[in-house]
Full PDB file with SEQRES, HELIX, SHEET, SSBOND, CRYST1, ORIGX, SCALE, CONECT and MASTER records, all heavy atoms in Angstrom:
SEQRES   1 A   33  GLU VAL LEU ALA ALA GLY THR LEU GLY ILE ALA VAL SER          
SEQRES   2 A   33  THR VAL VAL HIS GLY VAL THR THR ALA PRO GLY LEU ALA          
SEQRES   3 A   33  LEU TYR ARG ARG ALA ALA THR                                  
HELIX    1 AA1 VAL A    2  VAL A   19  1                                  18    
HELIX    2 AA2 THR A   21  ALA A   32  1                                  12    
CRYST1    1.000    1.000    1.000  90.00  90.00  90.00 P 1           1          
ORIGX1      1.000000  0.000000  0.000000        0.00000                         
ORIGX2      0.000000  1.000000  0.000000        0.00000                         
ORIGX3      0.000000  0.000000  1.000000        0.00000                         
SCALE1      1.000000  0.000000  0.000000        0.00000                         
SCALE2      0.000000  1.000000  0.000000        0.00000                         
SCALE3      0.000000  0.000000  1.000000        0.00000                         
ATOM      1  N   GLU A   1      90.402 107.681 130.791  1.00  0.00           N  
ATOM      2  CA  GLU A   1      90.273 106.302 130.161  1.00  0.00           C  
ATOM      3  C   GLU A   1      89.446 106.404 128.900  1.00  0.00           C  
ATOM      4  O   GLU A   1      89.684 105.679 127.940  1.00  0.00           O  
ATOM      5  CB  GLU A   1      89.676 105.361 131.173  1.00  0.00           C  
ATOM      6  CG  GLU A   1      90.598 105.098 132.357  1.00  0.00           C  
ATOM      7  CD  GLU A   1      90.440 106.087 133.478  1.00  0.00           C  
ATOM      8  OE1 GLU A   1      89.598 106.992 133.385  1.00  0.00           O  
ATOM      9  OE2 GLU A   1      91.242 105.991 134.437  1.00  0.00           O  
ATOM     10  N   VAL A   2      88.415 107.226 128.900  1.00  0.00           N  
ATOM     11  CA  VAL A   2      87.558 107.351 127.695  1.00  0.00           C  
ATOM     12  C   VAL A   2      88.384 107.964 126.555  1.00  0.00           C  
ATOM     13  O   VAL A   2      88.266 107.468 125.434  1.00  0.00           O  
ATOM     14  CB  VAL A   2      86.286 108.207 128.034  1.00  0.00           C  
ATOM     15  CG1 VAL A   2      85.506 108.486 126.782  1.00  0.00           C  
ATOM     16  CG2 VAL A   2      85.454 107.531 129.062  1.00  0.00           C  
ATOM     17  N   LEU A   3      89.130 109.000 126.835  1.00  0.00           N  
ATOM     18  CA  LEU A   3      89.949 109.616 125.828  1.00  0.00           C  
ATOM     19  C   LEU A   3      91.052 108.619 125.313  1.00  0.00           C  
ATOM     20  O   LEU A   3      91.289 108.530 124.120  1.00  0.00           O  
ATOM     21  CB  LEU A   3      90.651 110.826 126.368  1.00  0.00           C  
ATOM     22  CG  LEU A   3      91.433 111.743 125.377  1.00  0.00           C  
ATOM     23  CD1 LEU A   3      90.468 112.206 124.250  1.00  0.00           C  
ATOM     24  CD2 LEU A   3      91.995 112.936 126.100  1.00  0.00           C  
ATOM     25  N   ALA A   4      91.621 107.827 126.242  1.00  0.00           N  
ATOM     26  CA  ALA A   4      92.658 106.847 125.863  1.00  0.00           C  
ATOM     27  C   ALA A   4      92.034 105.772 124.938  1.00  0.00           C  
ATOM     28  O   ALA A   4      92.623 105.338 123.906  1.00  0.00           O  
ATOM     29  CB  ALA A   4      93.237 106.221 127.078  1.00  0.00           C  
ATOM     30  N   ALA A   5      90.787 105.279 125.338  1.00  0.00           N  
ATOM     31  CA  ALA A   5      90.195 104.274 124.491  1.00  0.00           C  
ATOM     32  C   ALA A   5      89.807 104.798 123.180  1.00  0.00           C  
ATOM     33  O   ALA A   5      89.991 104.085 122.114  1.00  0.00           O  
ATOM     34  CB  ALA A   5      88.953 103.729 125.213  1.00  0.00           C  
ATOM     35  N   GLY A   6      89.254 105.966 123.087  1.00  0.00           N  
ATOM     36  CA  GLY A   6      88.953 106.603 121.800  1.00  0.00           C  
ATOM     37  C   GLY A   6      90.175 106.774 120.904  1.00  0.00           C  
ATOM     38  O   GLY A   6      90.138 106.488 119.709  1.00  0.00           O  
ATOM     39  N   THR A   7      91.235 107.229 121.548  1.00  0.00           N  
ATOM     40  CA  THR A   7      92.513 107.444 120.802  1.00  0.00           C  
ATOM     41  C   THR A   7      93.011 106.113 120.257  1.00  0.00           C  
ATOM     42  O   THR A   7      93.520 106.082 119.118  1.00  0.00           O  
ATOM     43  CB  THR A   7      93.542 108.150 121.664  1.00  0.00           C  
ATOM     44  OG1 THR A   7      93.023 109.421 122.134  1.00  0.00           O  
ATOM     45  CG2 THR A   7      94.842 108.434 120.917  1.00  0.00           C  
ATOM     46  N   LEU A   8      92.992 105.068 121.077  1.00  0.00           N  
ATOM     47  CA  LEU A   8      93.421 103.763 120.596  1.00  0.00           C  
ATOM     48  C   LEU A   8      92.586 103.264 119.403  1.00  0.00           C  
ATOM     49  O   LEU A   8      93.137 102.769 118.445  1.00  0.00           O  
ATOM     50  CB  LEU A   8      93.362 102.775 121.751  1.00  0.00           C  
ATOM     51  CG  LEU A   8      93.731 101.324 121.412  1.00  0.00           C  
ATOM     52  CD1 LEU A   8      95.190 101.284 120.945  1.00  0.00           C  
ATOM     53  CD2 LEU A   8      93.499 100.388 122.613  1.00  0.00           C  
ATOM     54  N   GLY A   9      91.292 103.482 119.519  1.00  0.00           N  
ATOM     55  CA  GLY A   9      90.410 103.074 118.380  1.00  0.00           C  
ATOM     56  C   GLY A   9      90.754 103.814 117.096  1.00  0.00           C  
ATOM     57  O   GLY A   9      90.760 103.202 116.036  1.00  0.00           O  
ATOM     58  N   ILE A  10      91.033 105.088 117.217  1.00  0.00           N  
ATOM     59  CA  ILE A  10      91.352 105.900 116.028  1.00  0.00           C  
ATOM     60  C   ILE A  10      92.744 105.469 115.520  1.00  0.00           C  
ATOM     61  O   ILE A  10      92.887 105.324 114.258  1.00  0.00           O  
ATOM     62  CB  ILE A  10      91.360 107.412 116.385  1.00  0.00           C  
ATOM     63  CG1 ILE A  10      89.940 107.829 116.707  1.00  0.00           C  
ATOM     64  CG2 ILE A  10      91.963 108.222 115.301  1.00  0.00           C  
ATOM     65  CD1 ILE A  10      89.839 109.205 117.346  1.00  0.00           C  
ATOM     66  N   ALA A  11      93.645 105.177 116.374  1.00  0.00           N  
ATOM     67  CA  ALA A  11      94.995 104.720 115.898  1.00  0.00           C  
ATOM     68  C   ALA A  11      94.922 103.393 115.183  1.00  0.00           C  
ATOM     69  O   ALA A  11      95.494 103.206 114.175  1.00  0.00           O  
ATOM     70  CB  ALA A  11      95.966 104.614 117.123  1.00  0.00           C  
ATOM     71  N   VAL A  12      94.143 102.448 115.710  1.00  0.00           N  
ATOM     72  CA  VAL A  12      93.946 101.149 115.085  1.00  0.00           C  
ATOM     73  C   VAL A  12      93.318 101.354 113.689  1.00  0.00           C  
ATOM     74  O   VAL A  12      93.726 100.754 112.748  1.00  0.00           O  
ATOM     75  CB  VAL A  12      93.157 100.230 115.939  1.00  0.00           C  
ATOM     76  CG1 VAL A  12      92.707  98.936 115.223  1.00  0.00           C  
ATOM     77  CG2 VAL A  12      93.998  99.821 117.226  1.00  0.00           C  
ATOM     78  N   SER A  13      92.292 102.200 113.632  1.00  0.00           N  
ATOM     79  CA  SER A  13      91.608 102.483 112.410  1.00  0.00           C  
ATOM     80  C   SER A  13      92.572 103.042 111.352  1.00  0.00           C  
ATOM     81  O   SER A  13      92.537 102.665 110.203  1.00  0.00           O  
ATOM     82  CB  SER A  13      90.469 103.427 112.640  1.00  0.00           C  
ATOM     83  OG  SER A  13      89.847 103.836 111.470  1.00  0.00           O  
ATOM     84  N   THR A  14      93.408 103.947 111.788  1.00  0.00           N  
ATOM     85  CA  THR A  14      94.350 104.577 110.903  1.00  0.00           C  
ATOM     86  C   THR A  14      95.345 103.584 110.331  1.00  0.00           C  
ATOM     87  O   THR A  14      95.708 103.558 109.153  1.00  0.00           O  
ATOM     88  CB  THR A  14      95.152 105.739 111.646  1.00  0.00           C  
ATOM     89  OG1 THR A  14      94.172 106.672 112.058  1.00  0.00           O  
ATOM     90  CG2 THR A  14      96.090 106.380 110.726  1.00  0.00           C  
ATOM     91  N   VAL A  15      95.816 102.645 111.176  1.00  0.00           N  
ATOM     92  CA  VAL A  15      96.733 101.588 110.732  1.00  0.00           C  
ATOM     93  C   VAL A  15      96.069 100.634 109.793  1.00  0.00           C  
ATOM     94  O   VAL A  15      96.614 100.368 108.685  1.00  0.00           O  
ATOM     95  CB  VAL A  15      97.288 100.820 111.981  1.00  0.00           C  
ATOM     96  CG1 VAL A  15      98.061  99.566 111.483  1.00  0.00           C  
ATOM     97  CG2 VAL A  15      98.222 101.767 112.782  1.00  0.00           C  
ATOM     98  N   VAL A  16      94.816 100.246 110.091  1.00  0.00           N  
ATOM     99  CA  VAL A  16      94.081  99.357 109.197  1.00  0.00           C  
ATOM    100  C   VAL A  16      93.880  99.998 107.812  1.00  0.00           C  
ATOM    101  O   VAL A  16      94.065  99.341 106.803  1.00  0.00           O  
ATOM    102  CB  VAL A  16      92.776  98.948 109.846  1.00  0.00           C  
ATOM    103  CG1 VAL A  16      91.828  98.283 108.839  1.00  0.00           C  
ATOM    104  CG2 VAL A  16      93.002  98.034 111.011  1.00  0.00           C  
ATOM    105  N   HIS A  17      93.485 101.251 107.806  1.00  0.00           N  
ATOM    106  CA  HIS A  17      93.315 101.913 106.533  1.00  0.00           C  
ATOM    107  C   HIS A  17      94.596 102.095 105.812  1.00  0.00           C  
ATOM    108  O   HIS A  17      94.623 102.006 104.611  1.00  0.00           O  
ATOM    109  CB  HIS A  17      92.602 103.273 106.749  1.00  0.00           C  
ATOM    110  CG  HIS A  17      91.150 103.156 107.105  1.00  0.00           C  
ATOM    111  ND1 HIS A  17      90.680 102.980 108.340  1.00  0.00           N  
ATOM    112  CD2 HIS A  17      90.075 103.151 106.247  1.00  0.00           C  
ATOM    113  CE1 HIS A  17      89.365 102.862 108.280  1.00  0.00           C  
ATOM    114  NE2 HIS A  17      88.992 103.014 107.048  1.00  0.00           N  
ATOM    115  N   GLY A  18      95.667 102.367 106.485  1.00  0.00           N  
ATOM    116  CA  GLY A  18      96.987 102.514 105.865  1.00  0.00           C  
ATOM    117  C   GLY A  18      97.451 101.197 105.226  1.00  0.00           C  
ATOM    118  O   GLY A  18      97.971 101.164 104.085  1.00  0.00           O  
ATOM    119  N   VAL A  19      97.230 100.068 105.931  1.00  0.00           N  
ATOM    120  CA  VAL A  19      97.659  98.781 105.426  1.00  0.00           C  
ATOM    121  C   VAL A  19      96.866  98.380 104.224  1.00  0.00           C  
ATOM    122  O   VAL A  19      97.328  97.719 103.335  1.00  0.00           O  
ATOM    123  CB  VAL A  19      97.526  97.733 106.511  1.00  0.00           C  
ATOM    124  CG1 VAL A  19      97.667  96.317 106.026  1.00  0.00           C  
ATOM    125  CG2 VAL A  19      98.625  97.965 107.640  1.00  0.00           C  
ATOM    126  N   THR A  20      95.589  98.796 104.173  1.00  0.00           N  
ATOM    127  CA  THR A  20      94.745  98.378 103.041  1.00  0.00           C  
ATOM    128  C   THR A  20      94.790  99.339 101.859  1.00  0.00           C  
ATOM    129  O   THR A  20      94.087  99.144 100.877  1.00  0.00           O  
ATOM    130  CB  THR A  20      93.231  98.248 103.522  1.00  0.00           C  
ATOM    131  OG1 THR A  20      92.762  99.534 104.058  1.00  0.00           O  
ATOM    132  CG2 THR A  20      93.114  97.189 104.531  1.00  0.00           C  
ATOM    133  N   THR A  21      95.645 100.362 101.932  1.00  0.00           N  
ATOM    134  CA  THR A  21      95.685 101.372 100.852  1.00  0.00           C  
ATOM    135  C   THR A  21      96.160 100.720  99.552  1.00  0.00           C  
ATOM    136  O   THR A  21      95.493 100.948  98.507  1.00  0.00           O  
ATOM    137  CB  THR A  21      96.634 102.486 101.254  1.00  0.00           C  
ATOM    138  OG1 THR A  21      96.145 103.118 102.371  1.00  0.00           O  
ATOM    139  CG2 THR A  21      96.796 103.510 100.133  1.00  0.00           C  
ATOM    140  N   ALA A  22      97.252  99.997  99.497  1.00  0.00           N  
ATOM    141  CA  ALA A  22      97.774  99.420  98.290  1.00  0.00           C  
ATOM    142  C   ALA A  22      96.803  98.476  97.658  1.00  0.00           C  
ATOM    143  O   ALA A  22      96.474  98.523  96.423  1.00  0.00           O  
ATOM    144  CB  ALA A  22      99.090  98.759  98.469  1.00  0.00           C  
ATOM    145  N   PRO A  23      96.188  97.479  98.416  1.00  0.00           N  
ATOM    146  CA  PRO A  23      95.231  96.628  97.759  1.00  0.00           C  
ATOM    147  C   PRO A  23      93.986  97.335  97.359  1.00  0.00           C  
ATOM    148  O   PRO A  23      93.383  97.035  96.280  1.00  0.00           O  
ATOM    149  CB  PRO A  23      94.925  95.598  98.913  1.00  0.00           C  
ATOM    150  CG  PRO A  23      96.027  95.668  99.852  1.00  0.00           C  
ATOM    151  CD  PRO A  23      96.592  97.052  99.769  1.00  0.00           C  
ATOM    152  N   GLY A  24      93.571  98.355  98.122  1.00  0.00           N  
ATOM    153  CA  GLY A  24      92.405  99.137  97.722  1.00  0.00           C  
ATOM    154  C   GLY A  24      92.619  99.858  96.403  1.00  0.00           C  
ATOM    155  O   GLY A  24      91.723  99.948  95.582  1.00  0.00           O  
ATOM    156  N   LEU A  25      93.821 100.470  96.267  1.00  0.00           N  
ATOM    157  CA  LEU A  25      94.118 101.183  95.011  1.00  0.00           C  
ATOM    158  C   LEU A  25      94.119 100.258  93.826  1.00  0.00           C  
ATOM    159  O   LEU A  25      93.651 100.531  92.751  1.00  0.00           O  
ATOM    160  CB  LEU A  25      95.439 101.936  95.144  1.00  0.00           C  
ATOM    161  CG  LEU A  25      95.352 103.201  95.989  1.00  0.00           C  
ATOM    162  CD1 LEU A  25      96.764 103.779  96.167  1.00  0.00           C  
ATOM    163  CD2 LEU A  25      94.463 104.265  95.349  1.00  0.00           C  
ATOM    164  N   ALA A  26      94.702  98.983  94.036  1.00  0.00           N  
ATOM    165  CA  ALA A  26      94.735  98.031  92.976  1.00  0.00           C  
ATOM    166  C   ALA A  26      93.279  97.620  92.551  1.00  0.00           C  
ATOM    167  O   ALA A  26      93.018  97.523  91.369  1.00  0.00           O  
ATOM    168  CB  ALA A  26      95.495  96.817  93.430  1.00  0.00           C  
ATOM    169  N   LEU A  27      92.449  97.371  93.501  1.00  0.00           N  
ATOM    170  CA  LEU A  27      91.044  97.063  93.229  1.00  0.00           C  
ATOM    171  C   LEU A  27      90.313  98.167  92.477  1.00  0.00           C  
ATOM    172  O   LEU A  27      89.563  97.952  91.554  1.00  0.00           O  
ATOM    173  CB  LEU A  27      90.313  96.633  94.480  1.00  0.00           C  
ATOM    174  CG  LEU A  27      90.627  95.322  95.080  1.00  0.00           C  
ATOM    175  CD1 LEU A  27      89.959  95.200  96.428  1.00  0.00           C  
ATOM    176  CD2 LEU A  27      90.214  94.194  94.159  1.00  0.00           C  
ATOM    177  N   TYR A  28      90.590  99.393  92.947  1.00  0.00           N  
ATOM    178  CA  TYR A  28      90.022 100.576  92.353  1.00  0.00           C  
ATOM    179  C   TYR A  28      90.412 100.702  90.912  1.00  0.00           C  
ATOM    180  O   TYR A  28      89.628 100.976  89.972  1.00  0.00           O  
ATOM    181  CB  TYR A  28      90.300 101.853  93.142  1.00  0.00           C  
ATOM    182  CG  TYR A  28      89.615 103.042  92.652  1.00  0.00           C  
ATOM    183  CD1 TYR A  28      88.330 103.291  92.911  1.00  0.00           C  
ATOM    184  CD2 TYR A  28      90.345 104.023  91.928  1.00  0.00           C  
ATOM    185  CE1 TYR A  28      87.676 104.394  92.481  1.00  0.00           C  
ATOM    186  CE2 TYR A  28      89.753 105.164  91.467  1.00  0.00           C  
ATOM    187  CZ  TYR A  28      88.350 105.383  91.774  1.00  0.00           C  
ATOM    188  OH  TYR A  28      87.720 106.505  91.336  1.00  0.00           O  
ATOM    189  N   ARG A  29      91.691 100.565  90.611  1.00  0.00           N  
ATOM    190  CA  ARG A  29      92.200 100.667  89.291  1.00  0.00           C  
ATOM    191  C   ARG A  29      91.628  99.571  88.398  1.00  0.00           C  
ATOM    192  O   ARG A  29      91.296  99.834  87.205  1.00  0.00           O  
ATOM    193  CB  ARG A  29      93.732 100.534  89.247  1.00  0.00           C  
ATOM    194  CG  ARG A  29      94.475 101.786  89.654  1.00  0.00           C  
ATOM    195  CD  ARG A  29      95.907 101.700  89.429  1.00  0.00           C  
ATOM    196  NE  ARG A  29      96.575 102.804  90.045  1.00  0.00           N  
ATOM    197  CZ  ARG A  29      97.511 102.689  90.938  1.00  0.00           C  
ATOM    198  NH1 ARG A  29      97.983 101.515  91.311  1.00  0.00           N  
ATOM    199  NH2 ARG A  29      98.093 103.749  91.472  1.00  0.00           N  
ATOM    200  N   ARG A  30      91.563  98.372  88.905  1.00  0.00           N  
ATOM    201  CA  ARG A  30      90.992  97.259  88.125  1.00  0.00           C  
ATOM    202  C   ARG A  30      89.509  97.504  87.804  1.00  0.00           C  
ATOM    203  O   ARG A  30      89.103  97.275  86.682  1.00  0.00           O  
ATOM    204  CB  ARG A  30      91.102  95.926  88.924  1.00  0.00           C  
ATOM    205  CG  ARG A  30      90.824  94.737  88.073  1.00  0.00           C  
ATOM    206  CD  ARG A  30      91.018  93.393  88.774  1.00  0.00           C  
ATOM    207  NE  ARG A  30      92.295  93.357  89.511  1.00  0.00           N  
ATOM    208  CZ  ARG A  30      92.428  92.871  90.737  1.00  0.00           C  
ATOM    209  NH1 ARG A  30      91.388  92.342  91.365  1.00  0.00           N  
ATOM    210  NH2 ARG A  30      93.609  92.850  91.346  1.00  0.00           N  
ATOM    211  N   ALA A  31      88.809  98.046  88.765  1.00  0.00           N  
ATOM    212  CA  ALA A  31      87.351  98.382  88.485  1.00  0.00           C  
ATOM    213  C   ALA A  31      87.287  99.540  87.458  1.00  0.00           C  
ATOM    214  O   ALA A  31      86.372  99.575  86.692  1.00  0.00           O  
ATOM    215  CB  ALA A  31      86.664  98.798  89.786  1.00  0.00           C  
ATOM    216  N   ALA A  32      88.157 100.549  87.587  1.00  0.00           N  
ATOM    217  CA  ALA A  32      88.122 101.713  86.669  1.00  0.00           C  
ATOM    218  C   ALA A  32      88.434 101.289  85.254  1.00  0.00           C  
ATOM    219  O   ALA A  32      87.930 101.940  84.290  1.00  0.00           O  
ATOM    220  CB  ALA A  32      89.080 102.754  87.142  1.00  0.00           C  
ATOM    221  N   THR A  33      89.220 100.275  85.021  1.00  0.00           N  
ATOM    222  CA  THR A  33      89.607  99.862  83.705  1.00  0.00           C  
ATOM    223  C   THR A  33      88.722  98.662  83.196  1.00  0.00           C  
ATOM    224  O   THR A  33      88.963  98.191  82.128  1.00  0.00           O  
ATOM    225  CB  THR A  33      91.110  99.385  83.613  1.00  0.00           C  
ATOM    226  OG1 THR A  33      91.259  98.243  84.477  1.00  0.00           O  
ATOM    227  CG2 THR A  33      91.991 100.513  83.971  1.00  0.00           C  
TER     228      THR A  33                                                      
MASTER        0    0    0    2    0    0    0    6  227    1    0    3          
END                                                                             
């Protein structure tokens, strides 16, 4: 159960980071320019 809970947390984190990639890159570009 500990391994399952940890894996679920990592999977959710991966999805959240994936979904925020495009907006994050846009903000980064705007800040860079």
